[in-house]
Amino acid sequence: MKALQFIGSGTPLTPVDLPEPTPGPGWVVVDVHAAGLCHSDLHILHGPGADWVAKKPIVLGHEVAGTVTEIGEDVTGFEIGDRVGIACIAHPLEAGLAYAPGLAVDGGYAEQTLAHASTLVPIPDNVSFAQAAIATDSVATSYHAVRTSAGVQRGQTVGIIGLGGLGLNGVRVAHLQGATVYGVDVNPSTFPTARQMGAKECFSSIADLQALQPDVIIDFAGAGSTTAAAVEAVRAGGRVVVIGLEAGTAEIKLTHMVLMSVQLHGSLGASKQDLVEVYDLISSGDLDPAIEEVAFDDVPDALDRLHRGEVAGRLVANPHR
């Protein structure tokens, strides 16, 4: 079967022909119908994220959806032909992404992949494979950040920094929670989509949030300077949640953070239950993530586009096309 392997940092994805996988006890084979392209892949390819993967070479692709084609021993609750997404289980934290595709085991940049049965989540009939794939990380991570890490509630004012794929989903989830949402991005072309997702207004500078005194600011950029600015813009006693990993460090004014009792909180991934709830939101029509489908052979070029900041929403590929 055709696949794309990561060999090492600074090396492009390598097209390879691999044997079809065979499931051991507790595992199933999933025929991949959609694999999402994520900024985390860029961190693996170009930065310190190379240490995140359990082995090299490894097939990347951690946002995966498809159909069950073969079932190993001791697997119950699933049948051949079932439509499933593979959850990247980061919560509880002890889960440690132990079975995460494209990180712990070979992932979805291949025609087939192995999945541990404990990570499988059924896809509602009216949810596409593309929607199901990007929901496993891009949407579920935003959902967890807004609802659990930030604890966004009805009536709160929320700032969302970074209106890319995750940030736009964060805007929508915060809006569904009943918050008044404001978006911030250096690229104003993202503003119309953010408003469609529920943002009341959008700004090019985090400083514009300060007058609004948000209860919560969620930083999907993580550029270091964005986190520092968020700490100064949030209200006294407010919370700043960081998801983005653009920069490895940030210079925070600790005196301001302490005197204003600002909470600074990191947020990683999501739980399996988060993905179940996200699928329900997509199925109901309350959440409709922006998706662009690309040919599988174009994945390396599409990742380059993502790296250059030329992508609105999320990219997804079908390895069979």
C-alpha atoms as a PDB file:
ATOM      1  CA  MET A   1       0.000   0.000   0.000  1.00  0.00           C
ATOM      2  CA  LYS A   2       1.174   3.565  -0.618  1.00  0.00           C
ATOM      3  CA  ALA A   3       2.157   5.709   2.344  1.00  0.00           C
ATOM      4  CA  LEU A   4       4.150   8.787   3.359  1.00  0.00           C
ATOM      5  CA  GLN A   5       6.870   8.245   5.968  1.00  0.00           C
ATOM      6  CA  PHE A   6       8.706  10.668   8.209  1.00  0.00           C
ATOM      7  CA  ILE A   7      12.394   9.743   8.279  1.00  0.00           C
ATOM      8  CA  GLY A   8      13.871  12.554  10.357  1.00  0.00           C
ATOM      9  CA  SER A   9      13.724  16.278  11.086  1.00  0.00           C
ATOM     10  CA  GLY A  10      14.418  18.479   8.082  1.00  0.00           C
ATOM     11  CA  THR A  11      13.677  15.661   5.644  1.00  0.00           C
ATOM     12  CA  PRO A  12      10.573  15.792   3.403  1.00  0.00           C
ATOM     13  CA  LEU A  13       7.946  13.085   3.714  1.00  0.00           C
ATOM     14  CA  THR A  14       9.071  10.029   1.768  1.00  0.00           C
ATOM     15  CA  PRO A  15       6.623   8.128  -0.486  1.00  0.00           C
ATOM     16  CA  VAL A  16       6.927   4.392   0.247  1.00  0.00           C
ATOM     17  CA  ASP A  17       5.188   1.118  -0.546  1.00  0.00           C
ATOM     18  CA  LEU A  18       4.426  -0.762   2.685  1.00  0.00           C
ATOM     19  CA  PRO A  19       2.825  -4.142   3.438  1.00  0.00           C
ATOM     20  CA  GLU A  20      -0.810  -4.000   4.481  1.00  0.00           C
ATOM     21  CA  PRO A  21      -1.080  -4.124   8.291  1.00  0.00           C
ATOM     22  CA  THR A  22      -2.322  -7.140  10.259  1.00  0.00           C
ATOM     23  CA  PRO A  23      -4.173  -6.561  13.542  1.00  0.00           C
ATOM     24  CA  GLY A  24      -3.021  -8.155  16.775  1.00  0.00           C
ATOM     25  CA  PRO A  25      -5.269  -8.685  19.815  1.00  0.00           C
ATOM     26  CA  GLY A  26      -7.163  -5.503  20.648  1.00  0.00           C
ATOM     27  CA  TRP A  27      -6.424  -3.869  17.299  1.00  0.00           C
ATOM     28  CA  VAL A  28      -8.284  -3.346  14.029  1.00  0.00           C
ATOM     29  CA  VAL A  29      -7.295  -2.375  10.495  1.00  0.00           C
ATOM     30  CA  VAL A  30      -8.875   0.856   9.275  1.00  0.00           C
ATOM     31  CA  ASP A  31      -9.123   1.624   5.561  1.00  0.00           C
ATOM     32  CA  VAL A  32      -8.274   5.333   5.562  1.00  0.00           C
ATOM     33  CA  HIS A  33     -10.783   7.541   3.743  1.00  0.00           C
ATOM     34  CA  ALA A  34      -9.601  10.849   5.182  1.00  0.00           C
ATOM     35  CA  ALA A  35      -6.447  12.092   6.889  1.00  0.00           C
ATOM     36  CA  GLY A  36      -6.123  15.644   8.155  1.00  0.00           C
ATOM     37  CA  LEU A  37      -3.011  17.779   7.664  1.00  0.00           C
ATOM     38  CA  CYS A  38      -2.035  19.489  10.902  1.00  0.00           C
ATOM     39  CA  HIS A  39       0.407  22.112  12.155  1.00  0.00           C
ATOM     40  CA  SER A  40       1.702  19.438  14.511  1.00  0.00           C
ATOM     41  CA  ASP A  41       2.999  17.630  11.424  1.00  0.00           C
ATOM     42  CA  LEU A  42       4.992  20.765  10.609  1.00  0.00           C
ATOM     43  CA  HIS A  43       6.504  20.787  14.089  1.00  0.00           C
ATOM     44  CA  ILE A  44       7.544  17.174  13.545  1.00  0.00           C
ATOM     45  CA  LEU A  45       8.954  17.834  10.079  1.00  0.00           C
ATOM     46  CA  HIS A  46      10.740  21.102  10.804  1.00  0.00           C
ATOM     47  CA  GLY A  47      11.175  21.548  14.543  1.00  0.00           C
ATOM     48  CA  PRO A  48      11.397  20.040  18.014  1.00  0.00           C
ATOM     49  CA  GLY A  49       8.325  17.935  17.331  1.00  0.00           C
ATOM     50  CA  ALA A  50      10.587  15.266  15.834  1.00  0.00           C
ATOM     51  CA  ASP A  51      10.974  14.021  19.399  1.00  0.00           C
ATOM     52  CA  TRP A  52       7.211  13.550  19.745  1.00  0.00           C
ATOM     53  CA  VAL A  53       7.103  10.431  17.595  1.00  0.00           C
ATOM     54  CA  ALA A  54       7.735   7.028  19.142  1.00  0.00           C
ATOM     55  CA  LYS A  55       9.775   5.677  16.234  1.00  0.00           C
ATOM     56  CA  LYS A  56      11.472   6.589  12.977  1.00  0.00           C
ATOM     57  CA  PRO A  57      10.591   6.019  10.271  1.00  0.00           C
ATOM     58  CA  ILE A  58       6.900   6.484  11.006  1.00  0.00           C
ATOM     59  CA  VAL A  59       3.845   7.138   8.848  1.00  0.00           C
ATOM     60  CA  LEU A  60       2.502  10.529   9.931  1.00  0.00           C
ATOM     61  CA  GLY A  61      -1.153  11.567  10.012  1.00  0.00           C
ATOM     62  CA  HIS A  62      -2.919  11.732  13.377  1.00  0.00           C
ATOM     63  CA  GLU A  63      -6.316  12.964  12.158  1.00  0.00           C
ATOM     64  CA  VAL A  64      -7.793   9.782  10.715  1.00  0.00           C
ATOM     65  CA  ALA A  65     -11.206   8.440   9.702  1.00  0.00           C
ATOM     66  CA  GLY A  66     -12.213   5.415   7.654  1.00  0.00           C
ATOM     67  CA  THR A  67     -13.860   2.002   7.729  1.00  0.00           C
ATOM     68  CA  VAL A  68     -12.973  -1.096   9.725  1.00  0.00           C
ATOM     69  CA  THR A  69     -11.708  -3.794   7.329  1.00  0.00           C
ATOM     70  CA  GLU A  70     -10.176  -6.388   9.673  1.00  0.00           C
ATOM     71  CA  ILE A  71     -10.630  -7.119  13.372  1.00  0.00           C
ATOM     72  CA  GLY A  72      -8.121  -8.668  15.761  1.00  0.00           C
ATOM     73  CA  GLU A  73      -8.808 -10.980  18.673  1.00  0.00           C
ATOM     74  CA  ASP A  74     -10.499  -9.644  21.819  1.00  0.00           C
ATOM     75  CA  VAL A  75     -12.171  -6.752  19.983  1.00  0.00           C
ATOM     76  CA  THR A  76     -15.867  -6.294  20.699  1.00  0.00           C
ATOM     77  CA  GLY A  77     -18.387  -3.639  19.709  1.00  0.00           C
ATOM     78  CA  PHE A  78     -17.151  -3.146  16.157  1.00  0.00           C
ATOM     79  CA  GLU A  79     -17.826  -4.908  12.870  1.00  0.00           C
ATOM     80  CA  ILE A  80     -16.215  -4.889   9.439  1.00  0.00           C
ATOM     81  CA  GLY A  81     -17.553  -1.921   7.489  1.00  0.00           C
ATOM     82  CA  ASP A  82     -18.104   0.325  10.516  1.00  0.00           C
ATOM     83  CA  ARG A  83     -17.311   3.999   9.898  1.00  0.00           C
ATOM     84  CA  VAL A  84     -14.930   5.201  12.613  1.00  0.00           C
ATOM     85  CA  GLY A  85     -12.699   8.038  13.663  1.00  0.00           C
ATOM     86  CA  ILE A  86      -9.503   7.338  15.593  1.00  0.00           C
ATOM     87  CA  ALA A  87      -9.371   9.470  18.739  1.00  0.00           C
ATOM     88  CA  CYS A  88      -6.039  11.015  19.748  1.00  0.00           C
ATOM     89  CA  ILE A  89      -6.620  10.458  23.454  1.00  0.00           C
ATOM     90  CA  ALA A  90      -4.678  13.040  25.479  1.00  0.00           C
ATOM     91  CA  HIS A  91      -7.024  13.085  28.487  1.00  0.00           C
ATOM     92  CA  PRO A  92      -6.856  11.852  31.105  1.00  0.00           C
ATOM     93  CA  LEU A  93      -3.230  12.939  30.906  1.00  0.00           C
ATOM     94  CA  GLU A  94      -2.139   9.475  31.978  1.00  0.00           C
ATOM     95  CA  ALA A  95      -3.339   8.261  28.583  1.00  0.00           C
ATOM     96  CA  GLY A  96      -0.296   9.985  27.147  1.00  0.00           C
ATOM     97  CA  LEU A  97      -1.409   9.589  23.505  1.00  0.00           C
ATOM     98  CA  ALA A  98      -0.253   5.975  23.884  1.00  0.00           C
ATOM     99  CA  TYR A  99      -2.110   4.721  20.804  1.00  0.00           C
ATOM    100  CA  ALA A 100      -2.210   7.964  18.820  1.00  0.00           C
ATOM    101  CA  PRO A 101      -1.824   7.408  15.058  1.00  0.00           C
ATOM    102  CA  GLY A 102       1.093   9.218  13.487  1.00  0.00           C
ATOM    103  CA  LEU A 103       2.731   9.694  16.880  1.00  0.00           C
ATOM    104  CA  ALA A 104       2.807   6.414  18.784  1.00  0.00           C
ATOM    105  CA  VAL A 105       2.061   4.137  15.821  1.00  0.00           C
ATOM    106  CA  ASP A 106       1.904   4.503  12.031  1.00  0.00           C
ATOM    107  CA  GLY A 107      -0.797   6.979  11.093  1.00  0.00           C
ATOM    108  CA  GLY A 108      -3.215   7.976   8.388  1.00  0.00           C
ATOM    109  CA  TYR A 109      -0.917   9.065   5.561  1.00  0.00           C
ATOM    110  CA  ALA A 110      -1.411   5.571   4.170  1.00  0.00           C
ATOM    111  CA  GLU A 111      -4.167   3.577   2.526  1.00  0.00           C
ATOM    112  CA  GLN A 112      -4.608   1.516   5.698  1.00  0.00           C
ATOM    113  CA  THR A 113      -3.597   1.894   9.327  1.00  0.00           C
ATOM    114  CA  LEU A 114      -3.818  -0.025  12.577  1.00  0.00           C
ATOM    115  CA  ALA A 115      -5.977   1.380  15.371  1.00  0.00           C
ATOM    116  CA  HIS A 116      -6.396   0.192  18.933  1.00  0.00           C
ATOM    117  CA  ALA A 117     -10.063  -0.575  19.514  1.00  0.00           C
ATOM    118  CA  SER A 118     -10.107   1.662  22.596  1.00  0.00           C
ATOM    119  CA  THR A 119      -9.520   4.714  20.371  1.00  0.00           C
ATOM    120  CA  LEU A 120     -12.367   4.107  17.917  1.00  0.00           C
ATOM    121  CA  VAL A 121     -15.404   6.385  17.854  1.00  0.00           C
ATOM    122  CA  PRO A 122     -18.360   5.627  15.537  1.00  0.00           C
ATOM    123  CA  ILE A 123     -19.072   8.310  12.941  1.00  0.00           C
ATOM    124  CA  PRO A 124     -22.707   9.464  12.614  1.00  0.00           C
ATOM    125  CA  ASP A 125     -24.202   8.652   9.213  1.00  0.00           C
ATOM    126  CA  ASN A 126     -24.516  12.297   8.164  1.00  0.00           C
ATOM    127  CA  VAL A 127     -20.916  13.212   9.065  1.00  0.00           C
ATOM    128  CA  SER A 128     -18.422  12.899   6.200  1.00  0.00           C
ATOM    129  CA  PHE A 129     -15.074  11.152   6.523  1.00  0.00           C
ATOM    130  CA  ALA A 130     -13.343  14.504   5.972  1.00  0.00           C
ATOM    131  CA  GLN A 131     -15.298  16.112   8.806  1.00  0.00           C
ATOM    132  CA  ALA A 132     -14.716  13.087  11.022  1.00  0.00           C
ATOM    133  CA  ALA A 133     -10.963  13.101  10.422  1.00  0.00           C
ATOM    134  CA  ILE A 134     -10.260  16.723  11.229  1.00  0.00           C
ATOM    135  CA  ALA A 135     -12.611  16.492  14.216  1.00  0.00           C
ATOM    136  CA  THR A 136     -10.302  13.975  15.905  1.00  0.00           C
ATOM    137  CA  ASP A 137      -7.713  16.666  16.667  1.00  0.00           C
ATOM    138  CA  SER A 138      -8.393  20.077  15.150  1.00  0.00           C
ATOM    139  CA  VAL A 139     -11.982  20.351  16.360  1.00  0.00           C
ATOM    140  CA  ALA A 140     -11.719  18.195  19.483  1.00  0.00           C
ATOM    141  CA  THR A 141      -8.633  20.099  20.673  1.00  0.00           C
ATOM    142  CA  SER A 142     -10.472  23.410  20.284  1.00  0.00           C
ATOM    143  CA  TYR A 143     -13.555  21.976  21.964  1.00  0.00           C
ATOM    144  CA  HIS A 144     -11.530  20.757  24.960  1.00  0.00           C
ATOM    145  CA  ALA A 145      -9.657  24.057  25.217  1.00  0.00           C
ATOM    146  CA  VAL A 146     -12.841  26.143  25.244  1.00  0.00           C
ATOM    147  CA  ARG A 147     -15.075  23.968  27.406  1.00  0.00           C
ATOM    148  CA  THR A 148     -12.659  22.262  29.788  1.00  0.00           C
ATOM    149  CA  SER A 149      -9.378  24.191  29.946  1.00  0.00           C
ATOM    150  CA  ALA A 150     -10.925  27.658  29.654  1.00  0.00           C
ATOM    151  CA  GLY A 151     -14.260  26.720  31.232  1.00  0.00           C
ATOM    152  CA  VAL A 152     -16.123  29.149  28.975  1.00  0.00           C
ATOM    153  CA  GLN A 153     -19.657  29.842  30.182  1.00  0.00           C
ATOM    154  CA  ARG A 154     -22.718  31.684  28.931  1.00  0.00           C
ATOM    155  CA  GLY A 155     -22.434  35.441  29.303  1.00  0.00           C
ATOM    156  CA  GLN A 156     -18.643  35.584  29.354  1.00  0.00           C
ATOM    157  CA  THR A 157     -16.489  37.642  27.013  1.00  0.00           C
ATOM    158  CA  VAL A 158     -13.887  35.545  25.184  1.00  0.00           C
ATOM    159  CA  GLY A 159     -10.959  36.531  22.978  1.00  0.00           C
ATOM    160  CA  ILE A 160      -9.641  34.053  20.411  1.00  0.00           C
ATOM    161  CA  ILE A 161      -6.092  34.700  19.146  1.00  0.00           C
ATOM    162  CA  GLY A 162      -5.216  33.050  15.823  1.00  0.00           C
ATOM    163  CA  LEU A 163      -8.042  32.444  13.367  1.00  0.00           C
ATOM    164  CA  GLY A 164      -6.652  29.418  11.569  1.00  0.00           C
ATOM    165  CA  GLY A 165      -8.302  26.006  11.601  1.00  0.00           C
ATOM    166  CA  LEU A 166      -8.212  25.497  15.378  1.00  0.00           C
ATOM    167  CA  GLY A 167      -8.976  29.102  16.206  1.00  0.00           C
ATOM    168  CA  LEU A 168     -12.041  29.247  13.966  1.00  0.00           C
ATOM    169  CA  ASN A 169     -13.358  26.095  15.603  1.00  0.00           C
ATOM    170  CA  GLY A 170     -12.648  27.727  18.968  1.00  0.00           C
ATOM    171  CA  VAL A 171     -14.713  30.744  17.928  1.00  0.00           C
ATOM    172  CA  ARG A 172     -17.629  28.502  17.055  1.00  0.00           C
ATOM    173  CA  VAL A 173     -17.484  26.404  20.214  1.00  0.00           C
ATOM    174  CA  ALA A 174     -17.251  29.499  22.433  1.00  0.00           C
ATOM    175  CA  HIS A 175     -20.229  31.003  20.590  1.00  0.00           C
ATOM    176  CA  LEU A 176     -22.210  27.796  21.123  1.00  0.00           C
ATOM    177  CA  GLN A 177     -21.357  28.048  24.827  1.00  0.00           C
ATOM    178  CA  GLY A 178     -23.180  31.380  24.881  1.00  0.00           C
ATOM    179  CA  ALA A 179     -20.124  33.633  25.111  1.00  0.00           C
ATOM    180  CA  THR A 180     -19.551  36.934  23.339  1.00  0.00           C
ATOM    181  CA  VAL A 181     -16.557  36.162  21.151  1.00  0.00           C
ATOM    182  CA  TYR A 182     -13.902  38.425  19.640  1.00  0.00           C
ATOM    183  CA  GLY A 183     -11.246  37.209  17.194  1.00  0.00           C
ATOM    184  CA  VAL A 184      -7.691  38.442  16.655  1.00  0.00           C
ATOM    185  CA  ASP A 185      -5.444  37.666  13.696  1.00  0.00           C
ATOM    186  CA  VAL A 186      -2.776  39.508  11.725  1.00  0.00           C
ATOM    187  CA  ASN A 187      -4.494  38.321   8.539  1.00  0.00           C
ATOM    188  CA  PRO A 188      -7.794  40.202   8.071  1.00  0.00           C
ATOM    189  CA  SER A 189      -8.902  37.776   5.354  1.00  0.00           C
ATOM    190  CA  THR A 190      -9.855  35.409   8.197  1.00  0.00           C
ATOM    191  CA  PHE A 191     -12.335  37.875   9.677  1.00  0.00           C
ATOM    192  CA  PRO A 192     -15.401  37.119   7.499  1.00  0.00           C
ATOM    193  CA  THR A 193     -15.229  33.403   8.307  1.00  0.00           C
ATOM    194  CA  ALA A 194     -14.722  34.142  12.003  1.00  0.00           C
ATOM    195  CA  ARG A 195     -17.817  36.339  12.002  1.00  0.00           C
ATOM    196  CA  GLN A 196     -19.783  33.588  10.265  1.00  0.00           C
ATOM    197  CA  MET A 197     -18.632  31.214  13.016  1.00  0.00           C
ATOM    198  CA  GLY A 198     -19.981  33.554  15.688  1.00  0.00           C
ATOM    199  CA  ALA A 199     -17.383  36.258  16.385  1.00  0.00           C
ATOM    200  CA  LYS A 200     -18.988  39.598  17.251  1.00  0.00           C
ATOM    201  CA  GLU A 201     -15.957  41.507  15.975  1.00  0.00           C
ATOM    202  CA  CYS A 202     -12.379  40.852  14.872  1.00  0.00           C
ATOM    203  CA  PHE A 203      -9.166  42.822  15.365  1.00  0.00           C
ATOM    204  CA  SER A 204      -5.631  42.828  14.007  1.00  0.00           C
ATOM    205  CA  SER A 205      -4.069  43.614  17.396  1.00  0.00           C
ATOM    206  CA  ILE A 206      -4.413  41.922  20.784  1.00  0.00           C
ATOM    207  CA  ALA A 207      -4.234  45.395  22.342  1.00  0.00           C
ATOM    208  CA  ASP A 208      -7.756  45.995  21.009  1.00  0.00           C
ATOM    209  CA  LEU A 209      -9.013  43.284  23.367  1.00  0.00           C
ATOM    210  CA  GLN A 210      -7.786  45.117  26.457  1.00  0.00           C
ATOM    211  CA  ALA A 211     -10.627  47.651  26.494  1.00  0.00           C
ATOM    212  CA  LEU A 212     -13.110  44.760  26.407  1.00  0.00           C
ATOM    213  CA  GLN A 213     -11.589  43.117  29.512  1.00  0.00           C
ATOM    214  CA  PRO A 214     -12.260  39.530  28.367  1.00  0.00           C
ATOM    215  CA  ASP A 215     -12.940  36.910  31.009  1.00  0.00           C
ATOM    216  CA  VAL A 216     -10.929  34.430  28.952  1.00  0.00           C
ATOM    217  CA  ILE A 217      -8.385  34.717  26.147  1.00  0.00           C
ATOM    218  CA  ILE A 218      -7.455  31.561  24.238  1.00  0.00           C
ATOM    219  CA  ASP A 219      -4.184  31.727  22.321  1.00  0.00           C
ATOM    220  CA  PHE A 220      -4.256  29.403  19.333  1.00  0.00           C
ATOM    221  CA  ALA A 221      -1.136  31.062  17.877  1.00  0.00           C
ATOM    222  CA  GLY A 222       1.308  30.582  20.733  1.00  0.00           C
ATOM    223  CA  ALA A 223       3.807  33.009  19.234  1.00  0.00           C
ATOM    224  CA  GLY A 224       5.263  33.989  22.591  1.00  0.00           C
ATOM    225  CA  SER A 225       4.419  37.646  22.099  1.00  0.00           C
ATOM    226  CA  THR A 226       0.754  36.688  21.681  1.00  0.00           C
ATOM    227  CA  THR A 227       0.695  34.924  25.046  1.00  0.00           C
ATOM    228  CA  ALA A 228       2.462  37.832  26.747  1.00  0.00           C
ATOM    229  CA  ALA A 229      -0.026  40.298  25.254  1.00  0.00           C
ATOM    230  CA  ALA A 230      -2.957  38.099  26.262  1.00  0.00           C
ATOM    231  CA  VAL A 231      -1.816  38.109  29.898  1.00  0.00           C
ATOM    232  CA  GLU A 232      -1.941  41.918  29.830  1.00  0.00           C
ATOM    233  CA  ALA A 233      -5.263  42.119  27.964  1.00  0.00           C
ATOM    234  CA  VAL A 234      -7.380  39.710  30.022  1.00  0.00           C
ATOM    235  CA  ARG A 235      -9.393  41.074  32.956  1.00  0.00           C
ATOM    236  CA  ALA A 236      -8.189  40.880  36.546  1.00  0.00           C
ATOM    237  CA  GLY A 237      -8.744  37.314  37.715  1.00  0.00           C
ATOM    238  CA  GLY A 238      -9.178  36.161  34.123  1.00  0.00           C
ATOM    239  CA  ARG A 239      -7.707  33.140  32.415  1.00  0.00           C
ATOM    240  CA  VAL A 240      -5.336  32.794  29.461  1.00  0.00           C
ATOM    241  CA  VAL A 241      -5.255  29.387  27.789  1.00  0.00           C
ATOM    242  CA  VAL A 242      -2.438  28.513  25.375  1.00  0.00           C
ATOM    243  CA  ILE A 243      -2.775  25.851  22.664  1.00  0.00           C
ATOM    244  CA  GLY A 244      -0.530  27.157  19.876  1.00  0.00           C
ATOM    245  CA  LEU A 245       3.108  26.116  19.606  1.00  0.00           C
ATOM    246  CA  GLU A 246       4.539  28.641  17.171  1.00  0.00           C
ATOM    247  CA  ALA A 247       7.232  29.750  19.637  1.00  0.00           C
ATOM    248  CA  GLY A 248       9.015  27.730  22.276  1.00  0.00           C
ATOM    249  CA  THR A 249       9.235  30.565  24.805  1.00  0.00           C
ATOM    250  CA  ALA A 250       7.386  33.666  25.992  1.00  0.00           C
ATOM    251  CA  GLU A 251       8.457  36.619  28.137  1.00  0.00           C
ATOM    252  CA  ILE A 252       5.621  37.171  30.608  1.00  0.00           C
ATOM    253  CA  LYS A 253       5.376  40.161  32.946  1.00  0.00           C
ATOM    254  CA  LEU A 254       5.116  38.146  36.142  1.00  0.00           C
ATOM    255  CA  THR A 255       4.423  41.196  38.291  1.00  0.00           C
ATOM    256  CA  HIS A 256       1.340  41.995  36.214  1.00  0.00           C
ATOM    257  CA  MET A 257       0.221  38.356  36.176  1.00  0.00           C
ATOM    258  CA  VAL A 258       0.509  38.068  39.967  1.00  0.00           C
ATOM    259  CA  LEU A 259      -0.946  41.462  40.884  1.00  0.00           C
ATOM    260  CA  MET A 260      -3.891  40.934  38.517  1.00  0.00           C
ATOM    261  CA  SER A 261      -4.337  37.281  39.555  1.00  0.00           C
ATOM    262  CA  VAL A 262      -4.242  36.127  35.939  1.00  0.00           C
ATOM    263  CA  GLN A 263      -4.394  32.366  35.424  1.00  0.00           C
ATOM    264  CA  LEU A 264      -2.120  30.960  32.693  1.00  0.00           C
ATOM    265  CA  HIS A 265      -3.137  27.507  31.512  1.00  0.00           C
ATOM    266  CA  GLY A 266      -1.775  25.134  28.859  1.00  0.00           C
ATOM    267  CA  SER A 267      -4.143  22.861  26.956  1.00  0.00           C
ATOM    268  CA  LEU A 268      -3.225  19.717  25.025  1.00  0.00           C
ATOM    269  CA  GLY A 269      -5.522  17.653  22.831  1.00  0.00           C
ATOM    270  CA  ALA A 270      -8.804  16.171  23.950  1.00  0.00           C
ATOM    271  CA  SER A 271     -10.503  13.166  25.482  1.00  0.00           C
ATOM    272  CA  LYS A 272     -12.389  10.417  23.691  1.00  0.00           C
ATOM    273  CA  GLN A 273     -15.638  11.803  25.111  1.00  0.00           C
ATOM    274  CA  ASP A 274     -14.782  15.209  23.644  1.00  0.00           C
ATOM    275  CA  LEU A 275     -14.671  13.596  20.195  1.00  0.00           C
ATOM    276  CA  VAL A 276     -18.032  11.886  20.749  1.00  0.00           C
ATOM    277  CA  GLU A 277     -19.575  15.258  21.616  1.00  0.00           C
ATOM    278  CA  VAL A 278     -17.896  16.994  18.665  1.00  0.00           C
ATOM    279  CA  TYR A 279     -19.339  14.397  16.283  1.00  0.00           C
ATOM    280  CA  ASP A 280     -22.779  15.122  17.758  1.00  0.00           C
ATOM    281  CA  LEU A 281     -22.301  18.863  17.138  1.00  0.00           C
ATOM    282  CA  ILE A 282     -21.261  18.278  13.530  1.00  0.00           C
ATOM    283  CA  SER A 283     -24.140  15.853  13.003  1.00  0.00           C
ATOM    284  CA  SER A 284     -26.651  18.390  14.345  1.00  0.00           C
ATOM    285  CA  GLY A 285     -25.295  21.128  12.071  1.00  0.00           C
ATOM    286  CA  ASP A 286     -24.206  23.338  14.972  1.00  0.00           C
ATOM    287  CA  LEU A 287     -20.573  22.929  13.958  1.00  0.00           C
ATOM    288  CA  ASP A 288     -19.428  22.963  10.330  1.00  0.00           C
ATOM    289  CA  PRO A 289     -15.621  23.160  10.177  1.00  0.00           C
ATOM    290  CA  ALA A 290     -14.034  24.755   7.120  1.00  0.00           C
ATOM    291  CA  ILE A 291     -12.316  22.019   5.074  1.00  0.00           C
ATOM    292  CA  GLU A 292     -10.296  21.916   1.857  1.00  0.00           C
ATOM    293  CA  GLU A 293      -9.656  18.501   0.304  1.00  0.00           C
ATOM    294  CA  VAL A 294      -6.345  17.867  -1.481  1.00  0.00           C
ATOM    295  CA  ALA A 295      -5.032  14.943  -3.527  1.00  0.00           C
ATOM    296  CA  PHE A 296      -2.912  12.482  -1.546  1.00  0.00           C
ATOM    297  CA  ASP A 297       0.038  12.921  -3.900  1.00  0.00           C
ATOM    298  CA  ASP A 298      -0.114  16.645  -3.133  1.00  0.00           C
ATOM    299  CA  VAL A 299       0.183  16.236   0.660  1.00  0.00           C
ATOM    300  CA  PRO A 300       3.858  17.369   0.825  1.00  0.00           C
ATOM    301  CA  ASP A 301       3.069  20.494  -1.215  1.00  0.00           C
ATOM    302  CA  ALA A 302      -0.072  21.117   0.843  1.00  0.00           C
ATOM    303  CA  LEU A 303       1.969  20.931   4.057  1.00  0.00           C
ATOM    304  CA  ASP A 304       4.307  23.533   2.554  1.00  0.00           C
ATOM    305  CA  ARG A 305       1.278  25.769   1.927  1.00  0.00           C
ATOM    306  CA  LEU A 306       0.251  25.267   5.537  1.00  0.00           C
ATOM    307  CA  HIS A 307       3.783  26.138   6.657  1.00  0.00           C
ATOM    308  CA  ARG A 308       3.640  29.390   4.661  1.00  0.00           C
ATOM    309  CA  GLY A 309       0.327  30.368   6.239  1.00  0.00           C
ATOM    310  CA  GLU A 310      -1.602  30.116   2.978  1.00  0.00           C
ATOM    311  CA  VAL A 311      -4.398  27.849   4.262  1.00  0.00           C
ATOM    312  CA  ALA A 312      -7.777  28.898   5.636  1.00  0.00           C
ATOM    313  CA  GLY A 313      -9.523  26.210   7.652  1.00  0.00           C
ATOM    314  CA  ARG A 314      -8.207  22.644   7.536  1.00  0.00           C
ATOM    315  CA  LEU A 315      -6.716  20.420   4.831  1.00  0.00           C
ATOM    316  CA  VAL A 316      -7.661  16.769   4.400  1.00  0.00           C
ATOM    317  CA  ALA A 317      -6.580  14.039   1.959  1.00  0.00           C
ATOM    318  CA  ASN A 318      -7.882  10.620   0.929  1.00  0.00           C
ATOM    319  CA  PRO A 319      -4.954   8.190   0.411  1.00  0.00           C
ATOM    320  CA  HIS A 320      -7.010   6.330  -2.204  1.00  0.00           C
ATOM    321  CA  ARG A 321      -7.228   9.412  -4.454  1.00  0.00           C
END
